[in-house]
């Protein structure tokens, strides 16, 4: 495991550069939809591509899944997702609750093949 880790550290700069390039392509595709990127350009850590959906996160997940794209709701381990947490009570984390309900994570890996990047771009640009 240590040898694998050392090799990955040597490749870290290249991995991050590749993720950054793919992120830019995804941002351009997303501009053709009605949704937006969660973070400003250059502010993402590039381990996923977070999309702030206008509405219907579950519908968008199904749309992506039908096209072979796995997505995840963001902030799944948030304190707001534990049983008993209120997302709609007056004054109780309204902004955090809104982000929790509207953010969807798309895959962003340096090993994505060109055809996978193209498919993701197509899905991002045609999100309902």
N, C-alpha and C. Protein backbone atom coordinates (compact mmCIF):
# COMPACT_ATOMS: atom_id res chain seq x y z
N UNK A 1 0.82 -1.20 0.00
CA UNK A 1 0.00 0.00 0.00
C UNK A 1 0.86 1.26 0.00
N UNK A 2 1.97 1.22 0.73
CA UNK A 2 2.85 2.38 0.78
C UNK A 2 3.44 2.67 -0.60
N UNK A 3 3.84 1.63 -1.32
CA UNK A 3 4.41 1.83 -2.65
C UNK A 3 3.37 2.45 -3.58
N UNK A 4 2.15 1.97 -3.50
CA UNK A 4 1.07 2.54 -4.31
C UNK A 4 0.85 4.00 -3.95
N UNK A 5 0.84 4.29 -2.65
CA UNK A 5 0.66 5.67 -2.19
C UNK A 5 1.77 6.59 -2.67
N UNK A 6 2.99 6.12 -2.61
CA UNK A 6 4.13 6.93 -3.07
C UNK A 6 3.99 7.23 -4.55
N UNK A 7 3.61 6.23 -5.33
CA UNK A 7 3.42 6.43 -6.77
C UNK A 7 2.30 7.44 -7.04
N UNK A 8 1.21 7.37 -6.29
CA UNK A 8 0.11 8.30 -6.49
C UNK A 8 0.50 9.72 -6.10
N UNK A 9 1.30 9.87 -5.07
CA UNK A 9 1.77 11.20 -4.68
C UNK A 9 2.62 11.79 -5.80
N UNK A 10 3.45 10.96 -6.43
CA UNK A 10 4.27 11.44 -7.55
C UNK A 10 3.40 11.93 -8.70
N UNK A 11 2.25 11.32 -8.88
CA UNK A 11 1.34 11.65 -9.98
C UNK A 11 0.29 12.68 -9.59
N UNK A 12 0.29 13.13 -8.35
CA UNK A 12 -0.76 14.01 -7.85
C UNK A 12 -0.94 15.26 -8.71
N UNK A 13 0.13 15.93 -9.06
CA UNK A 13 0.02 17.15 -9.86
C UNK A 13 -0.67 16.86 -11.19
N UNK A 14 -0.30 15.76 -11.84
CA UNK A 14 -0.91 15.40 -13.12
C UNK A 14 -2.39 15.07 -12.93
N UNK A 15 -2.72 14.33 -11.87
CA UNK A 15 -4.12 13.99 -11.60
C UNK A 15 -4.96 15.26 -11.39
N UNK A 16 -4.43 16.18 -10.59
CA UNK A 16 -5.17 17.42 -10.32
C UNK A 16 -5.32 18.27 -11.58
N UNK A 17 -4.29 18.32 -12.40
CA UNK A 17 -4.37 19.06 -13.66
C UNK A 17 -5.44 18.47 -14.57
N UNK A 18 -5.46 17.14 -14.67
CA UNK A 18 -6.45 16.46 -15.52
C UNK A 18 -7.87 16.73 -14.99
N UNK A 19 -8.06 16.64 -13.69
CA UNK A 19 -9.37 16.92 -13.10
C UNK A 19 -9.80 18.36 -13.39
N UNK A 20 -8.87 19.27 -13.30
CA UNK A 20 -9.16 20.67 -13.56
C UNK A 20 -9.59 20.89 -15.02
N UNK A 21 -8.91 20.22 -15.93
CA UNK A 21 -9.27 20.32 -17.35
C UNK A 21 -10.67 19.75 -17.60
N UNK A 22 -10.96 18.62 -17.00
CA UNK A 22 -12.29 18.01 -17.16
C UNK A 22 -13.35 18.90 -16.54
N UNK A 23 -13.05 19.48 -15.38
CA UNK A 23 -14.00 20.39 -14.72
C UNK A 23 -14.36 21.55 -15.65
N UNK A 24 -13.39 22.11 -16.34
CA UNK A 24 -13.66 23.23 -17.24
C UNK A 24 -14.60 22.80 -18.37
N UNK A 25 -14.39 21.62 -18.91
CA UNK A 25 -15.26 21.10 -19.97
C UNK A 25 -16.68 20.92 -19.44
N UNK A 26 -16.80 20.40 -18.22
CA UNK A 26 -18.12 20.21 -17.60
C UNK A 26 -18.81 21.55 -17.37
N UNK A 27 -18.06 22.56 -16.93
CA UNK A 27 -18.65 23.89 -16.70
C UNK A 27 -19.22 24.46 -18.00
N UNK A 28 -18.49 24.30 -19.08
CA UNK A 28 -18.96 24.79 -20.36
C UNK A 28 -20.23 24.07 -20.79
N UNK A 29 -20.30 22.77 -20.56
CA UNK A 29 -21.50 22.00 -20.89
C UNK A 29 -22.67 22.44 -20.02
N UNK A 30 -22.42 22.66 -18.75
CA UNK A 30 -23.48 23.04 -17.81
C UNK A 30 -24.06 24.41 -18.15
N UNK A 31 -23.29 25.27 -18.78
CA UNK A 31 -23.79 26.59 -19.17
C UNK A 31 -24.96 26.49 -20.15
N UNK A 32 -25.07 25.38 -20.86
CA UNK A 32 -26.16 25.19 -21.81
C UNK A 32 -27.44 24.68 -21.14
N UNK A 33 -27.37 24.45 -19.83
CA UNK A 33 -28.55 24.00 -19.09
C UNK A 33 -29.06 25.16 -18.23
N UNK A 34 -30.09 24.91 -17.46
CA UNK A 34 -30.62 25.96 -16.59
C UNK A 34 -30.04 25.87 -15.18
N UNK A 35 -29.15 24.93 -14.97
CA UNK A 35 -28.55 24.71 -13.65
C UNK A 35 -27.18 25.38 -13.59
N UNK A 36 -26.57 25.39 -12.41
CA UNK A 36 -25.28 26.06 -12.28
C UNK A 36 -24.31 25.22 -11.45
N UNK A 37 -23.05 25.54 -11.57
CA UNK A 37 -22.04 24.90 -10.74
C UNK A 37 -22.17 25.44 -9.33
N UNK A 38 -21.94 24.60 -8.36
CA UNK A 38 -22.07 25.03 -6.96
C UNK A 38 -20.97 26.02 -6.60
N UNK A 39 -19.76 25.78 -7.07
CA UNK A 39 -18.62 26.61 -6.70
C UNK A 39 -18.12 27.40 -7.88
N UNK A 40 -17.46 28.51 -7.59
CA UNK A 40 -16.85 29.31 -8.65
C UNK A 40 -15.71 28.53 -9.28
N UNK A 41 -15.39 28.89 -10.49
CA UNK A 41 -14.29 28.24 -11.20
C UNK A 41 -13.01 28.37 -10.39
N UNK A 42 -12.28 27.27 -10.31
CA UNK A 42 -11.03 27.28 -9.57
C UNK A 42 -11.18 27.10 -8.07
N UNK A 43 -12.40 27.01 -7.58
CA UNK A 43 -12.63 26.86 -6.14
C UNK A 43 -12.96 25.43 -5.75
N UNK A 44 -13.18 24.57 -6.72
CA UNK A 44 -13.53 23.18 -6.47
C UNK A 44 -12.26 22.39 -6.20
N UNK A 45 -12.35 21.41 -5.31
CA UNK A 45 -11.20 20.55 -5.05
C UNK A 45 -11.12 19.42 -6.07
N UNK A 46 -12.08 19.36 -6.96
CA UNK A 46 -12.07 18.46 -8.11
C UNK A 46 -12.13 16.98 -7.78
N UNK A 47 -12.81 16.60 -6.72
CA UNK A 47 -13.02 15.19 -6.45
C UNK A 47 -14.40 14.75 -6.91
N UNK A 48 -15.21 15.72 -7.25
CA UNK A 48 -16.52 15.51 -7.88
C UNK A 48 -16.90 16.84 -8.49
N UNK A 49 -17.95 16.83 -9.30
CA UNK A 49 -18.41 18.07 -9.92
C UNK A 49 -19.79 18.38 -9.34
N UNK A 50 -19.86 19.31 -8.35
CA UNK A 50 -21.14 19.62 -7.72
C UNK A 50 -21.98 20.56 -8.57
N UNK A 51 -23.23 20.17 -8.79
CA UNK A 51 -24.17 20.98 -9.57
C UNK A 51 -25.29 21.43 -8.65
N UNK A 52 -25.58 22.72 -8.69
CA UNK A 52 -26.68 23.29 -7.93
C UNK A 52 -27.90 23.28 -8.85
N UNK A 53 -28.83 22.39 -8.58
CA UNK A 53 -29.99 22.22 -9.45
C UNK A 53 -31.08 23.22 -9.09
N UNK A 54 -31.80 23.67 -10.09
CA UNK A 54 -32.90 24.62 -9.85
C UNK A 54 -34.01 23.95 -9.06
N UNK A 55 -34.36 22.75 -9.46
CA UNK A 55 -35.38 21.97 -8.76
C UNK A 55 -35.33 20.54 -9.26
N UNK A 56 -35.91 19.63 -8.50
CA UNK A 56 -36.03 18.25 -8.94
C UNK A 56 -34.75 17.45 -8.96
N UNK A 57 -34.00 17.47 -7.84
CA UNK A 57 -32.75 16.72 -7.79
C UNK A 57 -32.98 15.24 -8.06
N UNK A 58 -34.04 14.67 -7.52
CA UNK A 58 -34.32 13.24 -7.73
C UNK A 58 -34.59 12.96 -9.21
N UNK A 59 -35.30 13.86 -9.87
CA UNK A 59 -35.57 13.72 -11.31
C UNK A 59 -34.27 13.76 -12.10
N UNK A 60 -33.37 14.66 -11.74
CA UNK A 60 -32.09 14.76 -12.44
C UNK A 60 -31.23 13.53 -12.20
N UNK A 61 -31.29 12.97 -11.00
CA UNK A 61 -30.55 11.73 -10.72
C UNK A 61 -31.06 10.60 -11.62
N UNK A 62 -32.38 10.50 -11.76
CA UNK A 62 -32.95 9.45 -12.63
C UNK A 62 -32.56 9.70 -14.09
N UNK A 63 -32.58 10.94 -14.51
CA UNK A 63 -32.20 11.31 -15.87
C UNK A 63 -30.76 10.87 -16.16
N UNK A 64 -29.85 11.18 -15.24
CA UNK A 64 -28.45 10.81 -15.42
C UNK A 64 -28.28 9.30 -15.37
N UNK A 65 -28.96 8.65 -14.45
CA UNK A 65 -28.84 7.20 -14.31
C UNK A 65 -29.30 6.47 -15.57
N UNK A 66 -30.38 6.94 -16.19
CA UNK A 66 -30.85 6.33 -17.44
C UNK A 66 -29.81 6.43 -18.54
N UNK A 67 -28.90 7.38 -18.42
CA UNK A 67 -27.86 7.58 -19.43
C UNK A 67 -26.52 7.00 -18.98
N UNK A 68 -26.55 6.22 -17.90
CA UNK A 68 -25.35 5.53 -17.43
C UNK A 68 -24.42 6.34 -16.55
N UNK A 69 -24.91 7.45 -16.00
CA UNK A 69 -24.10 8.31 -15.13
C UNK A 69 -24.56 8.14 -13.69
N UNK A 70 -23.64 7.75 -12.83
CA UNK A 70 -23.96 7.66 -11.40
C UNK A 70 -23.72 9.00 -10.74
N UNK A 71 -24.69 9.46 -9.98
CA UNK A 71 -24.57 10.71 -9.23
C UNK A 71 -24.83 10.42 -7.76
N UNK A 72 -24.49 11.36 -6.94
CA UNK A 72 -24.73 11.26 -5.50
C UNK A 72 -25.25 12.59 -4.99
N UNK A 73 -26.19 12.56 -4.07
CA UNK A 73 -26.58 13.81 -3.41
C UNK A 73 -25.37 14.31 -2.60
N UNK A 74 -25.16 15.59 -2.59
CA UNK A 74 -24.05 16.15 -1.81
C UNK A 74 -24.42 16.19 -0.33
N UNK A 75 -23.41 16.26 0.49
CA UNK A 75 -23.56 16.46 1.93
C UNK A 75 -24.32 15.31 2.61
N UNK A 76 -24.15 14.09 2.10
CA UNK A 76 -24.85 12.93 2.66
C UNK A 76 -24.49 12.66 4.11
N UNK A 77 -23.31 13.05 4.53
CA UNK A 77 -22.89 12.82 5.91
C UNK A 77 -23.05 14.07 6.77
N UNK A 78 -23.84 15.01 6.29
CA UNK A 78 -24.03 16.26 7.01
C UNK A 78 -24.83 16.05 8.28
N UNK A 79 -24.59 16.89 9.25
CA UNK A 79 -25.36 16.85 10.49
C UNK A 79 -26.85 17.08 10.19
N UNK A 80 -27.15 17.73 9.08
CA UNK A 80 -28.55 18.00 8.74
C UNK A 80 -29.28 16.76 8.23
N UNK A 81 -28.54 15.70 7.92
CA UNK A 81 -29.20 14.50 7.41
C UNK A 81 -29.47 13.47 8.50
N UNK A 82 -29.00 13.74 9.71
CA UNK A 82 -29.25 12.79 10.80
C UNK A 82 -30.69 12.89 11.24
N UNK A 83 -31.19 11.79 11.74
CA UNK A 83 -32.59 11.73 12.17
C UNK A 83 -32.88 12.81 13.21
N UNK A 84 -33.95 13.52 13.00
CA UNK A 84 -34.36 14.55 13.95
C UNK A 84 -33.89 15.95 13.60
N UNK A 85 -32.98 16.08 12.66
CA UNK A 85 -32.52 17.43 12.27
C UNK A 85 -33.61 18.10 11.46
N UNK A 86 -33.82 19.37 11.73
CA UNK A 86 -34.84 20.12 11.02
C UNK A 86 -34.23 20.91 9.89
N UNK A 87 -34.80 20.76 8.69
CA UNK A 87 -34.31 21.52 7.55
C UNK A 87 -35.23 22.68 7.21
N UNK A 88 -36.40 22.71 7.81
CA UNK A 88 -37.34 23.74 7.40
C UNK A 88 -37.86 24.59 8.54
N UNK A 89 -37.43 24.32 9.75
CA UNK A 89 -37.89 25.13 10.88
C UNK A 89 -37.41 26.56 10.74
N UNK A 90 -38.18 27.51 11.24
CA UNK A 90 -37.80 28.91 11.11
C UNK A 90 -36.44 29.18 11.74
N UNK A 91 -35.54 29.70 10.96
CA UNK A 91 -34.23 30.07 11.46
C UNK A 91 -33.26 28.92 11.66
N UNK A 92 -33.66 27.71 11.34
CA UNK A 92 -32.77 26.57 11.57
C UNK A 92 -32.04 26.16 10.30
N UNK A 93 -30.93 26.77 10.04
CA UNK A 93 -30.06 26.43 8.91
C UNK A 93 -30.75 26.50 7.55
N UNK A 94 -31.48 27.54 7.22
CA UNK A 94 -32.20 27.56 5.94
C UNK A 94 -31.28 27.48 4.73
N UNK A 95 -30.13 28.12 4.78
CA UNK A 95 -29.22 28.07 3.63
C UNK A 95 -28.58 26.70 3.48
N UNK A 96 -28.18 26.11 4.58
CA UNK A 96 -27.58 24.78 4.53
C UNK A 96 -28.60 23.76 4.05
N UNK A 97 -29.83 23.87 4.53
CA UNK A 97 -30.88 22.96 4.09
C UNK A 97 -31.15 23.07 2.60
N UNK A 98 -31.12 24.28 2.10
CA UNK A 98 -31.35 24.52 0.67
C UNK A 98 -30.24 23.88 -0.15
N UNK A 99 -28.99 24.05 0.26
CA UNK A 99 -27.87 23.42 -0.45
C UNK A 99 -27.97 21.89 -0.38
N UNK A 100 -28.38 21.39 0.75
CA UNK A 100 -28.53 19.94 0.93
C UNK A 100 -29.55 19.38 -0.07
N UNK A 101 -30.63 20.08 -0.26
CA UNK A 101 -31.70 19.60 -1.15
C UNK A 101 -31.40 19.82 -2.62
N UNK A 102 -30.51 20.75 -2.94
CA UNK A 102 -30.34 21.14 -4.36
C UNK A 102 -28.99 20.78 -4.98
N UNK A 103 -28.09 20.15 -4.24
CA UNK A 103 -26.76 19.87 -4.79
C UNK A 103 -26.61 18.40 -5.15
N UNK A 104 -26.13 18.18 -6.37
CA UNK A 104 -25.94 16.84 -6.90
C UNK A 104 -24.50 16.71 -7.39
N UNK A 105 -23.85 15.62 -7.02
CA UNK A 105 -22.45 15.41 -7.39
C UNK A 105 -22.34 14.50 -8.61
N UNK A 106 -21.59 14.95 -9.61
CA UNK A 106 -21.31 14.17 -10.81
C UNK A 106 -19.86 13.68 -10.73
N UNK A 107 -19.56 12.55 -11.34
CA UNK A 107 -18.19 12.01 -11.26
C UNK A 107 -17.18 12.92 -11.95
N UNK A 108 -16.00 13.00 -11.36
CA UNK A 108 -14.90 13.79 -11.93
C UNK A 108 -13.60 13.10 -11.54
N UNK A 109 -13.13 12.23 -12.42
CA UNK A 109 -11.93 11.45 -12.16
C UNK A 109 -10.90 11.71 -13.26
N UNK A 110 -9.62 11.70 -12.91
CA UNK A 110 -8.60 11.91 -13.95
C UNK A 110 -8.55 10.76 -14.94
N UNK A 111 -9.09 9.61 -14.55
CA UNK A 111 -9.06 8.43 -15.43
C UNK A 111 -10.27 8.33 -16.35
N UNK A 112 -11.15 9.34 -16.34
CA UNK A 112 -12.31 9.30 -17.24
C UNK A 112 -11.84 9.28 -18.69
N UNK A 113 -12.35 8.33 -19.44
CA UNK A 113 -12.02 8.26 -20.86
C UNK A 113 -12.71 9.39 -21.60
N UNK A 114 -12.20 9.73 -22.76
CA UNK A 114 -12.77 10.83 -23.56
C UNK A 114 -14.26 10.60 -23.82
N UNK A 115 -14.64 9.36 -24.13
CA UNK A 115 -16.06 9.07 -24.40
C UNK A 115 -16.91 9.29 -23.16
N UNK A 116 -16.35 9.00 -21.98
CA UNK A 116 -17.09 9.23 -20.73
C UNK A 116 -17.25 10.72 -20.46
N UNK A 117 -16.21 11.50 -20.73
CA UNK A 117 -16.29 12.95 -20.57
C UNK A 117 -17.34 13.51 -21.53
N UNK A 118 -17.35 13.02 -22.76
CA UNK A 118 -18.33 13.48 -23.74
C UNK A 118 -19.75 13.14 -23.30
N UNK A 119 -19.94 11.93 -22.78
CA UNK A 119 -21.26 11.53 -22.29
C UNK A 119 -21.69 12.43 -21.13
N UNK A 120 -20.78 12.66 -20.19
CA UNK A 120 -21.10 13.53 -19.06
C UNK A 120 -21.45 14.94 -19.53
N UNK A 121 -20.71 15.45 -20.50
CA UNK A 121 -21.01 16.78 -21.05
C UNK A 121 -22.39 16.81 -21.67
N UNK A 122 -22.73 15.77 -22.40
CA UNK A 122 -24.05 15.71 -23.03
C UNK A 122 -25.14 15.70 -21.97
N UNK A 123 -24.96 14.91 -20.93
CA UNK A 123 -25.95 14.85 -19.86
C UNK A 123 -26.04 16.19 -19.13
N UNK A 124 -24.88 16.79 -18.79
CA UNK A 124 -24.90 18.08 -18.09
C UNK A 124 -25.58 19.17 -18.91
N UNK A 125 -25.34 19.18 -20.20
CA UNK A 125 -25.91 20.25 -21.04
C UNK A 125 -27.38 20.04 -21.34
N UNK A 126 -27.90 18.84 -21.11
CA UNK A 126 -29.31 18.56 -21.41
C UNK A 126 -30.13 18.25 -20.16
N UNK A 127 -29.60 18.56 -19.00
CA UNK A 127 -30.36 18.29 -17.76
C UNK A 127 -31.71 18.99 -17.83
N UNK A 128 -32.76 18.27 -17.47
CA UNK A 128 -34.10 18.91 -17.53
C UNK A 128 -34.26 20.00 -16.48
